[in-house]
Structure formats: structure tokens, C-alpha cells
């Protein structure tokens, strides 16, 4: 008897070779699993790899291919559902289906601004902005940890961290900005601070165009705490590593949501 090799929804005949999702889906890095998984599934939607109305691979398969737990995957899918990009259905023929939202106004959905994607500010090179931000922040973190902070400076950094913990959701990004700006200022270079302030303004413009995700903010808070701990412990290598990982998480979210 000939076996039935009917392709599962979201594929074109099975793995490897004919799987149209293989170009996007890959195991995420442990440090930013939520953000990178969200980025990859957003890319699937944006690229039309799973057409409108078709089903994504089953949760078990998606979680396996992304290298994350099914709990984390469900958090990612919940965000996408809240953005109107997928819908879950129960039953024998259920699953998670791609759903392109209706544009709020005529001509709002264009090839330049596909469903579920927010346009980046005109004239802003998103990748260049994020790379420059990473260079400045990781450098500042390493400098602070290398030279060591005075008692008053350490208290200032801790206070900035505490302010982000206590910030209301709507005011979180302001507290986040002040935390990072404080760290850069403590590196002791006015030129570095000026350059960072300029690039941070661009980053904030980008962040203001995407939704606030509680799961991401909780993750960012843990990274903030690890960063402060590394700086105060005088561990420049760890401070740089944590800072780079933190920047990479933000970059993954922005790449996912922004055109």
C-alpha cells in the first residue's frame, strides 16, 4: 500500500528541501528566545510563507524547530493574536491560522506596508541605528565595569534600575531610557553621552511604533539587573555580553514589527 505523504499546512511537502519555512525557522538563542521567536513568526506572516487563512505548523513542531518550550510559544502566539495576525481554532481541524487584519483606512495596506507591519520613520536606517546603539551601550557598560564606580555613582545606577522596576507600563520606556542614559553617563565621556542621546532618540521613535509587550519588558528587567550586577562586580566581559544580548533582543522585536 502506498503511504499518504500529504503535506501538513504551512509546508510544501515536508522537511527538508521542500519546506518553505526552512529559510526562516531556526533555533533561537537562549538569551532572547521570546523576542527571536516572535521575530521569526512575524517574518513568516510578512513574507506570506503561510498564506492568509492557512494554518501554521502545529505547536509541537514550531516549538521544536524554534528550540523553545510550548509555554513560551503560546506566549508568542498570544501576542500575534492580540495584534490580529493569527487566530486559534479548536477541534479536529483546529490550530493557529494566519489572519491578515483589515486595513483601518483605504490604501493603508500596501506592498510597502504589508499586514501586521509598521512603517519605519522615513530616512531612518533601522539596522544602522540599532548597530550604533549596540556599539555605544556595550562600550559604555564595559567601561563602567572596567574602571569601577564610586559609591555615589553605584547608588545612582541602582536608583535608575529601581525606577524602571516601579514604573507604570505607560511610563516604562521613559524609565528604560533614563536607565541606559545613566549607565552611559557614568562611563565618563561627554562625547559618548552626546552620541548616545542622539541615537537613543531614534531608537525611542522606533520603539514607539510597536506594541508594549509585558513578556519582553519582564525579560528586559532581568537583563537590566544582570547588567548592573556585572558593572558593580567589576566584570567588564560579562557587562559587555549582557548589554549586547539586551540590545539584540530589542533589535529582534523591531526587525519583526517594522518594515
Protein backbone atom coordinates (compact mmCIF):
# COMPACT_ATOMS: atom_id res chain seq x y z
CA UNK A 1 0.00 0.00 0.00
CA UNK A 2 1.38 3.46 -0.89
CA UNK A 3 1.84 5.77 2.10
CA UNK A 4 -0.01 9.08 2.14
CA UNK A 5 2.55 11.89 2.19
CA UNK A 6 0.11 14.78 2.10
CA UNK A 7 1.89 17.95 3.21
CA UNK A 8 0.94 19.47 6.51
CA UNK A 9 -0.44 23.02 6.49
CA UNK A 10 2.34 25.59 6.34
CA UNK A 11 4.68 23.35 4.31
CA UNK A 12 5.06 22.35 0.70
CA UNK A 13 5.74 18.68 1.08
CA UNK A 14 7.76 18.03 4.22
CA UNK A 15 11.26 18.52 5.55
CA UNK A 16 13.90 19.05 4.38
CA UNK A 17 14.18 20.57 0.90
CA UNK A 18 10.57 21.48 0.08
CA UNK A 19 9.77 23.13 3.39
CA UNK A 20 9.14 26.76 2.57
CA UNK A 21 9.55 27.77 6.23
CA UNK A 22 13.11 26.44 6.47
CA UNK A 23 14.57 29.76 5.33
CA UNK A 24 13.07 31.50 8.37
CA UNK A 25 12.59 29.00 11.19
CA UNK A 26 15.74 28.19 13.14
CA UNK A 27 16.61 27.54 16.79
CA UNK A 28 16.70 30.80 18.75
CA UNK A 29 19.45 31.84 21.11
CA UNK A 30 18.75 31.15 24.76
CA UNK A 31 19.11 34.76 25.89
CA UNK A 32 16.33 36.23 23.73
CA UNK A 33 14.11 33.27 22.96
CA UNK A 34 10.77 35.11 23.15
CA UNK A 35 11.88 38.07 21.05
CA UNK A 36 13.61 35.99 18.37
CA UNK A 37 10.73 33.50 18.12
CA UNK A 38 8.31 36.40 17.71
CA UNK A 39 10.54 37.90 15.01
CA UNK A 40 10.65 34.65 13.04
CA UNK A 41 6.89 34.02 13.09
CA UNK A 42 6.26 37.65 12.14
CA UNK A 43 8.58 37.11 9.18
CA UNK A 44 6.53 34.06 8.15
CA UNK A 45 3.40 36.23 8.11
CA UNK A 46 5.08 39.19 6.42
CA UNK A 47 6.65 37.08 3.67
CA UNK A 48 3.41 35.23 3.00
CA UNK A 49 5.10 31.86 3.60
CA UNK A 50 1.85 30.75 5.20
CA UNK A 51 -0.94 32.46 3.23
CA UNK A 52 -3.90 34.20 4.78
CA UNK A 53 -6.32 31.62 6.16
CA UNK A 54 -3.81 28.76 6.24
CA UNK A 55 -2.61 27.04 9.37
CA UNK A 56 0.80 27.43 10.96
CA UNK A 57 2.66 24.21 11.82
CA UNK A 58 1.43 22.53 14.98
CA UNK A 59 2.63 23.94 18.30
CA UNK A 60 4.80 20.91 18.96
CA UNK A 61 6.59 21.26 15.63
CA UNK A 62 7.00 25.03 15.90
CA UNK A 63 8.39 24.79 19.42
CA UNK A 64 10.80 22.05 18.32
CA UNK A 65 12.05 23.99 15.32
CA UNK A 66 12.48 27.20 17.29
CA UNK A 67 14.10 25.41 20.21
CA UNK A 68 11.71 26.87 22.79
CA UNK A 69 9.14 25.49 25.21
CA UNK A 70 5.50 25.25 24.20
CA UNK A 71 4.71 27.62 27.06
CA UNK A 72 6.91 30.31 25.51
CA UNK A 73 5.50 29.58 22.05
CA UNK A 74 1.97 30.12 23.35
CA UNK A 75 3.04 33.50 24.74
CA UNK A 76 4.36 34.42 21.29
CA UNK A 77 1.15 33.27 19.58
CA UNK A 78 -0.90 35.23 22.13
CA UNK A 79 0.94 38.42 21.15
CA UNK A 80 0.31 37.72 17.47
CA UNK A 81 -3.38 37.07 18.19
CA UNK A 82 -3.63 40.35 20.09
CA UNK A 83 -2.17 42.09 17.03
CA UNK A 84 -4.80 40.44 14.84
CA UNK A 85 -2.26 38.41 12.87
CA UNK A 86 -3.33 34.89 13.85
CA UNK A 87 -6.45 33.25 15.19
CA UNK A 88 -6.73 30.00 17.14
CA UNK A 89 -9.46 27.46 16.47
CA UNK A 90 -10.31 24.37 18.47
CA UNK A 91 -11.43 20.98 17.32
CA UNK A 92 -10.24 18.29 14.95
CA UNK A 93 -9.38 20.80 12.25
CA UNK A 94 -8.22 23.46 14.67
CA UNK A 95 -4.86 25.11 15.12
CA UNK A 96 -3.38 28.56 14.70
CA UNK A 97 -4.28 30.23 11.42
CA UNK A 98 -2.77 33.28 9.75
CA UNK A 99 -5.23 36.13 9.64
CA UNK A 100 -4.39 39.36 7.87
CA UNK A 101 -6.27 42.20 9.59
CA UNK A 102 -8.40 44.56 7.60
CA UNK A 103 -6.63 47.87 6.96
CA UNK A 104 -8.07 50.75 9.05
CA UNK A 105 -8.37 53.02 6.03
CA UNK A 106 -8.26 52.72 2.23
CA UNK A 107 -4.77 52.21 0.81
CA UNK A 108 -3.29 51.64 4.29
CA UNK A 109 -2.30 48.09 3.32
CA UNK A 110 0.28 48.43 0.56
CA UNK A 111 3.26 46.39 -0.62
CA UNK A 112 5.46 48.86 1.25
CA UNK A 113 3.44 48.41 4.43
CA UNK A 114 2.13 44.80 4.46
CA UNK A 115 -0.34 43.44 7.02
CA UNK A 116 0.92 43.50 10.59
CA UNK A 117 3.93 45.65 9.76
CA UNK A 118 4.54 49.23 10.86
CA UNK A 119 6.49 51.55 8.62
CA UNK A 120 9.82 52.78 9.95
CA UNK A 121 10.32 56.56 10.05
CA UNK A 122 11.26 57.99 6.69
CA UNK A 123 15.00 58.46 6.27
CA UNK A 124 15.93 56.24 9.24
CA UNK A 125 18.21 53.26 8.58
CA UNK A 126 16.90 50.88 11.24
CA UNK A 127 19.79 48.41 11.08
CA UNK A 128 22.42 51.14 11.23
CA UNK A 129 20.66 52.80 14.17
CA UNK A 130 20.47 49.54 16.12
CA UNK A 131 24.09 48.63 15.40
CA UNK A 132 25.32 52.04 16.53
CA UNK A 133 23.20 51.80 19.67
CA UNK A 134 24.74 48.40 20.44
CA UNK A 135 28.28 49.69 19.98
CA UNK A 136 27.69 52.64 22.32
CA UNK A 137 25.81 50.75 25.03
CA UNK A 138 28.12 47.75 25.16
CA UNK A 139 31.15 50.01 25.16
CA UNK A 140 29.75 52.10 28.00
CA UNK A 141 28.91 49.01 30.05
CA UNK A 142 32.41 47.66 29.60
CA UNK A 143 33.98 51.00 30.53
CA UNK A 144 31.90 51.32 33.70
CA UNK A 145 32.78 47.81 34.81
CA UNK A 146 36.47 48.25 33.96
CA UNK A 147 37.06 51.49 35.80
CA UNK A 148 34.73 50.76 38.71
CA UNK A 149 32.09 53.10 40.09
CA UNK A 150 32.33 55.34 43.12
CA UNK A 151 29.85 54.68 45.91
CA UNK A 152 27.66 57.62 44.83
CA UNK A 153 27.76 56.50 41.20
CA UNK A 154 26.78 52.96 42.13
CA UNK A 155 23.84 54.37 44.11
CA UNK A 156 22.83 56.43 41.08
CA UNK A 157 22.84 53.36 38.86
CA UNK A 158 20.83 51.32 41.37
CA UNK A 159 18.29 54.14 41.67
CA UNK A 160 17.86 54.22 37.87
CA UNK A 161 17.28 50.46 37.89
CA UNK A 162 14.75 50.74 40.73
CA UNK A 163 12.88 53.42 38.79
CA UNK A 164 12.32 51.02 35.89
CA UNK A 165 11.04 48.35 38.29
CA UNK A 166 8.49 50.75 39.77
CA UNK A 167 7.43 52.42 36.52
CA UNK A 168 3.84 52.12 35.30
CA UNK A 169 3.52 50.33 31.98
CA UNK A 170 2.75 53.54 30.09
CA UNK A 171 5.87 55.22 31.54
CA UNK A 172 8.20 52.25 31.25
CA UNK A 173 10.06 53.35 28.14
CA UNK A 174 10.92 56.68 29.72
CA UNK A 175 12.39 54.89 32.75
CA UNK A 176 14.22 52.50 30.44
CA UNK A 177 15.76 55.42 28.54
CA UNK A 178 16.91 57.09 31.76
CA UNK A 179 18.45 53.83 33.00
CA UNK A 180 20.54 53.38 29.87
CA UNK A 181 21.43 57.07 29.70
CA UNK A 182 22.60 56.93 33.33
CA UNK A 183 24.87 53.98 32.56
CA UNK A 184 26.35 55.77 29.54
CA UNK A 185 26.93 58.97 31.53
CA UNK A 186 28.75 57.01 34.22
CA UNK A 187 31.26 55.85 31.61
CA UNK A 188 32.71 59.35 31.96
CA UNK A 189 32.78 60.52 28.33
CA UNK A 190 30.64 63.57 27.43
CA UNK A 191 31.15 62.82 23.72
CA UNK A 192 29.89 59.27 24.20
CA UNK A 193 26.89 60.57 26.13
CA UNK A 194 26.00 63.08 23.40
CA UNK A 195 26.25 60.45 20.67
CA UNK A 196 24.17 58.03 22.70
CA UNK A 197 21.46 60.60 23.41
CA UNK A 198 21.12 61.20 19.67
CA UNK A 199 20.86 57.55 18.72
CA UNK A 200 18.59 56.76 21.66
CA UNK A 201 16.11 59.36 20.40
CA UNK A 202 15.94 57.42 17.12
CA UNK A 203 15.57 54.11 18.95
CA UNK A 204 12.72 55.53 21.05
CA UNK A 205 10.96 56.68 17.87
CA UNK A 206 11.18 53.11 16.59
CA UNK A 207 10.02 51.59 19.88
CA UNK A 208 7.08 53.98 19.98
CA UNK A 209 5.76 52.39 16.80
CA UNK A 210 5.47 48.85 18.16
CA UNK A 211 3.32 47.46 20.98
CA UNK A 212 4.49 47.21 24.58
CA UNK A 213 4.83 43.50 25.36
CA UNK A 214 4.79 42.63 29.04
CA UNK A 215 6.75 39.41 28.45
CA UNK A 216 9.51 41.39 26.73
CA UNK A 217 9.59 44.05 29.46
CA UNK A 218 9.92 41.40 32.16
CA UNK A 219 12.82 39.88 30.25
CA UNK A 220 14.42 43.32 29.81
CA UNK A 221 14.18 43.91 33.55
CA UNK A 222 16.08 40.72 34.29
CA UNK A 223 18.77 41.78 31.83
CA UNK A 224 18.95 45.24 33.42
CA UNK A 225 19.51 43.65 36.82
CA UNK A 226 22.21 41.32 35.42
CA UNK A 227 23.90 44.27 33.76
CA UNK A 228 24.00 46.32 36.96
CA UNK A 229 25.30 43.32 38.86
CA UNK A 230 28.11 42.82 36.32
CA UNK A 231 29.09 46.51 36.36
CA UNK A 232 29.15 46.71 40.16
CA UNK A 233 31.12 43.45 40.34
CA UNK A 234 33.77 44.97 38.08
CA UNK A 235 33.29 42.30 35.39
CA UNK A 236 33.70 44.06 32.01
CA UNK A 237 33.40 40.93 29.88
CA UNK A 238 30.10 39.92 31.46
CA UNK A 239 28.81 43.51 31.35
CA UNK A 240 29.54 43.68 27.63
CA UNK A 241 27.95 40.28 26.98
CA UNK A 242 24.75 41.10 28.87
CA UNK A 243 24.50 44.51 27.21
CA UNK A 244 24.94 43.01 23.73
CA UNK A 245 22.31 40.37 24.45
CA UNK A 246 19.90 43.03 25.69
CA UNK A 247 20.40 45.12 22.55
CA UNK A 248 19.92 42.02 20.39
CA UNK A 249 16.53 41.35 22.00
CA UNK A 250 15.31 44.86 21.20
CA UNK A 251 16.65 44.58 17.66
CA UNK A 252 14.81 41.28 17.12
CA UNK A 253 11.48 42.85 18.12
CA UNK A 254 11.99 45.88 15.90
CA UNK A 255 13.03 43.78 12.91
CA UNK A 256 9.89 41.74 13.40
CA UNK A 257 7.43 44.61 13.59
CA UNK A 258 8.99 47.29 11.38
CA UNK A 259 9.08 47.33 7.60
